[in-house]
Amino acid sequence: MRVGVKVMGHAVEFFPEDKRSAWTYEGRQGESVRDLIVNSGIKSELVMNVACKGRIIPKDTPLEDGMELLLFTPVSGG
């Protein structure tokens, strides 16, 4: 199954180099959004929210073929 992933926010510099803006995740049946994050080499604490189809979704949401996910990193600055 293929899932599109796009990263939003300033913490992208802490993501793996090949995952700093957008990529396609090749997932397996039964995987969740949390599995995608971990299997992509991203520290879970860097993903504050995940959105799909304009709505925030829980990280335990099962992946579906063709999903387009937005990963939001923590707000920072001063």
Protein backbone atom coordinates (compact mmCIF):
# COMPACT_ATOMS: atom_id res chain seq x y z
CA MET A 1 0.00 0.00 0.00
CA ARG A 2 1.23 3.50 -0.82
CA VAL A 3 0.74 6.52 1.40
CA GLY A 4 1.81 10.06 0.53
CA VAL A 5 3.47 11.98 3.36
CA LYS A 6 4.23 15.70 3.58
CA VAL A 7 5.98 17.42 6.51
CA MET A 8 4.85 20.80 7.82
CA GLY A 9 6.72 22.91 10.38
CA HIS A 10 10.13 24.12 11.43
CA ALA A 11 11.43 20.90 13.01
CA VAL A 12 12.04 19.30 9.58
CA GLU A 13 15.77 19.78 10.14
CA PHE A 14 15.59 16.95 12.72
CA PHE A 15 14.02 14.50 10.24
CA PRO A 16 16.12 12.10 8.16
CA GLU A 17 17.41 13.93 5.06
CA ASP A 18 15.20 11.97 2.65
CA LYS A 19 12.10 12.71 4.77
CA ARG A 20 12.35 16.48 5.21
CA SER A 21 9.57 17.55 2.89
CA ALA A 22 7.62 14.78 1.14
CA TRP A 23 7.86 11.09 0.29
CA THR A 24 5.79 8.01 -0.47
CA TYR A 25 5.61 5.35 2.23
CA GLU A 26 5.24 1.73 1.18
CA GLY A 27 3.21 0.22 4.02
CA ARG A 28 1.84 -3.18 4.91
CA GLN A 29 -1.68 -4.24 5.78
CA GLY A 30 -2.47 -3.51 9.44
CA GLU A 31 0.07 -0.71 9.92
CA SER A 32 -0.95 2.53 11.62
CA VAL A 33 0.16 6.13 11.26
CA ARG A 34 2.40 5.55 14.30
CA ASP A 35 4.05 2.61 12.49
CA LEU A 36 4.70 4.85 9.48
CA ILE A 37 6.40 7.42 11.72
CA VAL A 38 8.60 4.87 13.50
CA ASN A 39 9.42 2.85 10.36
CA SER A 40 10.41 6.07 8.57
CA GLY A 41 13.10 6.75 11.17
CA ILE A 42 11.33 9.78 12.64
CA LYS A 43 11.34 10.45 16.37
CA SER A 44 7.71 10.21 17.45
CA GLU A 45 7.97 13.34 19.60
CA LEU A 46 8.70 15.41 16.47
CA VAL A 47 5.20 14.73 15.13
CA MET A 48 2.65 16.65 17.18
CA ASN A 49 -0.33 16.16 14.86
CA VAL A 50 -1.24 14.22 11.75
CA ALA A 51 -3.89 15.37 9.28
CA CYS A 52 -5.68 13.54 6.50
CA LYS A 53 -8.36 15.07 4.27
CA GLY A 54 -8.25 18.31 6.26
CA ARG A 55 -8.80 16.70 9.67
CA ILE A 56 -6.49 15.85 12.55
CA ILE A 57 -6.39 12.07 13.01
CA PRO A 58 -5.02 9.90 15.85
CA LYS A 59 -1.64 8.23 15.38
CA ASP A 60 -3.29 4.82 15.86
CA THR A 61 -5.38 5.33 12.69
CA PRO A 62 -4.89 2.39 10.29
CA LEU A 63 -3.18 3.24 7.02
CA GLU A 64 -5.18 2.94 3.82
CA ASP A 65 -3.86 2.79 0.27
CA GLY A 66 -3.81 6.24 -1.30
CA MET A 67 -3.92 8.24 1.94
CA GLU A 68 -2.26 11.64 1.87
CA LEU A 69 -0.92 12.57 5.31
CA LEU A 70 0.41 15.86 6.65
CA LEU A 71 2.79 15.59 9.61
CA PHE A 72 2.92 18.69 11.81
CA THR A 73 5.99 19.36 13.95
CA PRO A 74 5.99 21.31 17.25
CA VAL A 75 5.72 25.09 17.09
CA SER A 76 8.99 26.74 18.07
CA GLY A 77 10.58 30.12 18.18
CA GLY A 78 10.48 33.06 20.40
